[in-house]
Amino acid sequence: MSFTATDVKTLREKTNAGMMDCKKALEQAKGNMDQAVEILRKRGLAVAQSKAGRTAAEGILGHYLEPAGKAGLLVEVNCETDFVVKTDDFQKFVAHVTERVKAEKPKDLETLLGHVKEDLTALIGKIGENIQVRRFEHWIARPEKEVVGLYLHAGSKIGVLVVISDPEGKVTTDAAKEIAMHVAAMHPGYVRREEVPAEVLDKEREIQRATVDTKKPPEIQNKIIEGKLNKFFGDCCLEEQIFVKDLEGKKTVRDWLKAISPTARIERFVRLQVGA
């Protein structure tokens, strides 16, 4: 069975494979379009399997924020080289995965991968690099009680989601974004000191005790240790960090937020960094 240039074009549109690959597939299938599609899909799967073991440490974060701050998402898609990151095919795939998370609301990564498996396999076959959908976060605010903030650092390599409860409705998405920007810059480990695990706190107390002069009375040693722990909380807890945009370098993130809305409270945050 023969085929025409139009058939090659049609196959390319169906599979997103390269022009020469489509021509070869049609030749192998003797012009049968369905068989050619199957050949290309099998070829793409074979390429994907051969690339699976290669390191994919480059990539970008797909993102979306509902305009009123009622939902936000981040999804990390990796590849092997920064060159591929900039290609239209990779960018379109990231946008497609982001849209699937938004629309389908998958419960976990396995479910998401089930939605995009064929597109992912085809893209690997076309580009020739290992491409992975690594992780995602999709947060939906409680109606009229919470606002989601999103900040994406230049190059889409670092992204932050933050959820703020705000019964008075005074915290805007821009204000929530400011806190997300702070998280991107200062990399806190916890929202507040009550969330620091006991084992982490015990280890820090042990470290600080080793630095205290043992000749001092025990009560003085304990006061010094507690003072050092307060500094530790100030370093690792978002609420107690000095807000990066406070010009005087005195106001904490909690103080800055309370000035906007006294009843507002940071509920949670996540910071994703490509390859980290």
Protein backbone atom coordinates (compact mmCIF):
# COMPACT_ATOMS: atom_id res chain seq x y z
CA MET A 1 0.00 0.00 0.00
CA SER A 2 1.43 3.42 -0.94
CA PHE A 3 1.21 6.65 1.00
CA THR A 4 1.49 10.36 0.30
CA ALA A 5 3.16 13.39 1.86
CA THR A 6 -0.25 14.25 3.31
CA ASP A 7 -0.29 10.88 5.10
CA VAL A 8 3.11 11.64 6.62
CA LYS A 9 1.82 15.02 7.80
CA THR A 10 -1.31 13.43 9.26
CA LEU A 11 0.73 10.82 11.13
CA ARG A 12 3.01 13.52 12.50
CA GLU A 13 0.02 15.48 13.80
CA LYS A 14 -1.39 12.34 15.44
CA THR A 15 1.80 11.23 17.15
CA ASN A 16 3.99 14.34 17.42
CA ALA A 17 6.86 12.23 16.08
CA GLY A 18 9.51 13.56 13.70
CA MET A 19 8.85 13.75 9.97
CA MET A 20 11.44 11.09 9.04
CA ASP A 21 10.22 8.78 11.82
CA CYS A 22 6.68 9.07 10.43
CA LYS A 23 7.87 8.30 6.91
CA LYS A 24 9.78 5.22 8.09
CA ALA A 25 6.82 4.01 10.12
CA LEU A 26 4.50 4.32 7.13
CA GLU A 27 7.01 2.46 4.99
CA GLN A 28 7.21 -0.33 7.56
CA ALA A 29 3.40 -0.42 7.84
CA LYS A 30 3.04 -0.32 4.05
CA GLY A 31 0.90 2.78 4.26
CA ASN A 32 -1.46 1.54 6.97
CA MET A 33 -2.05 4.54 9.25
CA ASP A 34 -3.17 2.58 12.33
CA GLN A 35 -0.19 0.24 12.15
CA ALA A 36 2.15 3.20 11.68
CA VAL A 37 0.76 4.83 14.83
CA GLU A 38 1.33 1.58 16.75
CA ILE A 39 4.89 1.32 15.43
CA LEU A 40 5.70 4.84 16.56
CA ARG A 41 4.18 4.30 19.99
CA LYS A 42 6.18 1.12 20.50
CA ARG A 43 9.31 2.90 19.33
CA GLY A 44 8.64 5.75 21.74
CA LEU A 45 8.15 3.32 24.63
CA ALA A 46 11.41 1.56 23.78
CA VAL A 47 13.28 4.87 23.74
CA ALA A 48 11.64 5.89 27.02
CA GLN A 49 12.72 2.65 28.67
CA SER A 50 16.28 3.05 27.42
CA LYS A 51 16.50 6.59 28.81
CA ALA A 52 14.88 5.82 32.17
CA GLY A 53 18.15 5.27 34.02
CA ARG A 54 19.75 8.55 32.96
CA THR A 55 19.86 11.47 35.38
CA ALA A 56 17.20 14.12 34.87
CA ALA A 57 18.24 17.00 37.13
CA GLU A 58 17.22 19.96 34.95
CA GLY A 59 13.67 21.11 34.39
CA ILE A 60 11.10 23.66 35.49
CA LEU A 61 8.07 24.04 37.70
CA GLY A 62 4.64 24.26 36.12
CA HIS A 63 2.35 26.49 38.15
CA TYR A 64 -1.15 27.86 38.51
CA LEU A 65 -2.88 30.20 40.97
CA GLU A 66 -6.63 30.70 40.93
CA PRO A 67 -7.16 34.51 40.65
CA ALA A 68 -8.99 34.81 43.98
CA GLY A 69 -6.36 32.68 45.73
CA LYS A 70 -8.70 29.75 46.31
CA ALA A 71 -6.35 27.17 44.75
CA GLY A 72 -2.74 26.90 43.65
CA LEU A 73 -0.43 24.24 42.31
CA LEU A 74 3.18 23.47 41.49
CA VAL A 75 4.41 20.51 39.42
CA GLU A 76 8.05 19.63 38.79
CA VAL A 77 8.99 18.19 35.40
CA ASN A 78 12.62 17.16 34.87
CA CYS A 79 14.83 16.53 31.86
CA GLU A 80 18.56 16.02 31.32
CA THR A 81 19.70 19.32 29.80
CA ASP A 82 18.80 22.99 30.08
CA PHE A 83 18.63 23.11 26.28
CA VAL A 84 15.56 20.83 26.29
CA VAL A 85 13.92 22.96 29.00
CA LYS A 86 13.74 25.83 26.51
CA THR A 87 12.15 23.86 23.67
CA ASP A 88 8.52 24.36 22.71
CA ASP A 89 7.80 20.63 23.04
CA PHE A 90 8.99 20.50 26.66
CA GLN A 91 7.26 23.74 27.60
CA LYS A 92 3.98 22.55 26.07
CA PHE A 93 4.25 19.25 27.95
CA VAL A 94 4.78 21.06 31.27
CA ALA A 95 1.73 23.22 30.51
CA HIS A 96 -0.25 20.08 29.66
CA VAL A 97 0.73 18.33 32.90
CA THR A 98 -0.13 21.46 34.88
CA GLU A 99 -3.55 21.60 33.26
CA ARG A 100 -4.17 17.92 34.03
CA VAL A 101 -3.37 18.48 37.71
CA LYS A 102 -5.71 21.47 37.75
CA ALA A 103 -8.56 19.66 35.97
CA GLU A 104 -8.25 16.09 37.26
CA LYS A 105 -7.06 16.82 40.83
CA PRO A 106 -5.10 13.52 41.02
CA LYS A 107 -4.73 12.11 44.51
CA ASP A 108 -1.08 11.18 44.05
CA LEU A 109 1.81 11.08 41.56
CA GLU A 110 0.95 7.59 40.33
CA THR A 111 -2.52 8.75 39.35
CA LEU A 112 -1.13 11.81 37.56
CA LEU A 113 1.38 9.68 35.63
CA GLY A 114 -1.50 7.49 34.49
CA HIS A 115 -3.12 10.57 32.94
CA VAL A 116 0.00 11.70 31.03
CA LYS A 117 1.85 8.43 30.34
CA GLU A 118 1.28 8.32 26.58
CA ASP A 119 2.21 11.98 26.09
CA LEU A 120 5.32 11.51 28.23
CA THR A 121 6.42 8.42 26.30
CA ALA A 122 5.91 10.18 22.97
CA LEU A 123 7.92 13.21 24.13
CA ILE A 124 10.84 11.06 25.31
CA GLY A 125 10.81 9.25 21.98
CA LYS A 126 10.88 12.54 20.09
CA ILE A 127 13.42 14.46 22.19
CA GLY A 128 15.66 11.55 23.16
CA GLU A 129 16.19 12.53 26.79
CA ASN A 130 14.93 11.09 30.05
CA ILE A 131 11.95 13.20 31.11
CA GLN A 132 10.19 12.73 34.41
CA VAL A 133 7.20 14.18 36.20
CA ARG A 134 8.75 14.15 39.64
CA ARG A 135 6.22 15.60 42.08
CA PHE A 136 3.36 18.05 42.47
CA GLU A 137 1.45 20.00 45.10
CA HIS A 138 -2.17 21.07 44.58
CA TRP A 139 -3.67 23.04 47.44
CA ILE A 140 -7.29 24.15 47.65
CA ALA A 141 -8.29 26.76 50.23
CA ARG A 142 -11.22 26.32 52.57
CA PRO A 143 -14.05 28.59 51.32
CA GLU A 144 -13.95 32.13 52.76
CA LYS A 145 -11.40 31.16 55.43
CA GLU A 146 -8.12 30.72 53.61
CA VAL A 147 -6.08 32.27 50.81
CA VAL A 148 -3.37 30.54 48.78
CA GLY A 149 -0.26 32.46 47.78
CA LEU A 150 2.21 31.44 45.09
CA TYR A 151 5.66 32.72 44.21
CA LEU A 152 7.80 31.48 41.34
CA HIS A 153 11.46 32.47 41.26
CA ALA A 154 13.06 33.62 38.01
CA GLY A 155 13.61 30.70 35.66
CA SER A 156 10.83 28.65 37.27
CA LYS A 157 13.40 26.69 39.26
CA ILE A 158 12.08 27.52 42.75
CA GLY A 159 8.40 27.72 43.64
CA VAL A 160 6.51 28.23 46.88
CA LEU A 161 2.89 27.71 47.91
CA VAL A 162 1.60 29.13 51.18
CA VAL A 163 -1.85 28.88 52.78
CA ILE A 164 -3.02 31.57 55.18
CA SER A 165 -6.21 31.37 57.22
CA ASP A 166 -7.89 34.77 57.33
CA PRO A 167 -11.35 34.97 58.96
CA GLU A 168 -11.51 38.74 58.40
CA GLY A 169 -10.72 38.49 54.68
CA LYS A 170 -8.00 41.15 54.74
CA VAL A 171 -5.09 39.10 53.36
CA THR A 172 -4.83 39.44 49.57
CA THR A 173 -3.11 37.06 47.16
CA ASP A 174 -0.39 39.70 46.78
CA ALA A 175 0.25 39.69 50.54
CA ALA A 176 0.32 35.89 50.55
CA LYS A 177 2.77 36.04 47.63
CA GLU A 178 5.06 38.29 49.68
CA ILE A 179 5.27 35.60 52.36
CA ALA A 180 5.83 32.93 49.69
CA MET A 181 8.67 35.07 48.31
CA HIS A 182 10.19 35.22 51.78
CA VAL A 183 10.02 31.41 52.00
CA ALA A 184 11.81 31.11 48.65
CA ALA A 185 14.64 33.32 49.90
CA MET A 186 14.99 32.19 53.52
CA HIS A 187 14.12 28.47 53.24
CA PRO A 188 12.45 27.93 56.67
CA GLY A 189 11.94 24.40 57.85
CA TYR A 190 8.73 24.88 59.85
CA VAL A 191 5.90 27.38 60.22
CA ARG A 192 6.17 27.74 64.02
CA ARG A 193 8.25 26.37 66.88
CA GLU A 194 5.53 23.96 68.02
CA GLU A 195 6.06 22.03 64.78
CA VAL A 196 9.75 21.32 65.35
CA PRO A 197 10.05 17.57 66.08
CA ALA A 198 11.18 16.66 69.60
CA GLU A 199 14.20 14.76 68.30
CA VAL A 200 15.38 17.80 66.32
CA LEU A 201 14.97 20.01 69.35
CA ASP A 202 16.77 17.55 71.63
CA LYS A 203 19.68 17.36 69.20
CA GLU A 204 19.93 21.15 68.98
CA ARG A 205 19.81 21.44 72.78
CA GLU A 206 22.61 18.85 73.00
CA ILE A 207 24.72 20.79 70.51
CA GLN A 208 24.20 24.08 72.35
CA ARG A 209 24.93 22.52 75.74
CA ALA A 210 28.34 21.45 74.44
CA THR A 211 29.18 25.11 73.76
CA VAL A 212 28.31 26.40 77.25
CA ASP A 213 30.93 26.95 79.92
CA THR A 214 30.39 24.11 82.40
CA LYS A 215 31.93 26.22 85.19
CA LYS A 216 28.82 28.38 85.25
CA PRO A 217 25.96 27.43 87.63
CA PRO A 218 23.44 24.97 86.10
CA GLU A 219 20.63 27.56 86.11
CA ILE A 220 22.81 30.01 84.17
CA GLN A 221 23.78 27.28 81.71
CA ASN A 222 20.11 26.48 81.12
CA LYS A 223 19.24 30.14 80.51
CA ILE A 224 22.07 30.42 77.98
CA ILE A 225 20.90 27.25 76.21
CA GLU A 226 17.28 28.48 76.06
CA GLY A 227 18.52 31.79 74.61
CA LYS A 228 20.41 29.90 71.91
CA LEU A 229 17.31 27.80 71.20
CA ASN A 230 15.29 30.99 70.69
CA LYS A 231 17.82 32.02 68.07
CA PHE A 232 17.48 28.55 66.50
CA PHE A 233 13.71 29.04 66.27
CA GLY A 234 14.26 32.46 64.75
CA ASP A 235 16.40 30.88 62.06
CA CYS A 236 14.23 27.89 61.10
CA CYS A 237 10.63 28.85 61.89
CA LEU A 238 8.83 30.98 59.31
CA GLU A 239 6.75 32.96 61.83
CA GLU A 240 9.83 34.02 63.78
CA GLN A 241 12.16 34.84 60.89
CA ILE A 242 12.82 38.52 60.22
CA PHE A 243 10.75 39.45 57.19
CA VAL A 244 13.07 39.98 54.21
CA LYS A 245 11.24 43.12 53.10
CA ASP A 246 11.31 44.83 56.49
CA LEU A 247 13.64 47.76 55.87
CA GLU A 248 14.61 48.07 59.54
CA GLY A 249 15.31 44.35 59.88
CA LYS A 250 13.22 44.05 63.04
CA LYS A 251 9.72 42.88 62.10
CA THR A 252 9.10 39.14 62.00
CA VAL A 253 6.94 37.48 59.35
CA ARG A 254 4.26 36.94 62.01
CA ASP A 255 4.34 40.63 62.98
CA TRP A 256 4.12 41.71 59.34
CA LEU A 257 1.09 39.47 58.73
CA LYS A 258 -0.65 40.54 61.96
CA ALA A 259 -0.33 44.18 60.88
CA ILE A 260 -2.48 43.31 57.87
CA SER A 261 -4.99 41.12 59.70
CA PRO A 262 -4.70 40.43 63.46
CA THR A 263 -6.51 37.10 63.17
CA ALA A 264 -4.54 35.82 60.15
CA ARG A 265 -2.39 32.70 60.59
CA ILE A 266 0.06 30.89 58.34
CA GLU A 267 -1.22 27.33 58.08
CA ARG A 268 1.36 25.65 55.87
CA PHE A 269 3.87 26.14 53.07
CA VAL A 270 5.87 24.08 50.63
CA ARG A 271 9.05 25.06 48.80
CA LEU A 272 9.99 23.11 45.67
CA GLN A 273 13.37 23.48 44.00
CA VAL A 274 14.12 21.73 40.73
CA GLY A 275 16.55 18.84 41.22
CA ALA A 276 16.80 19.33 45.01
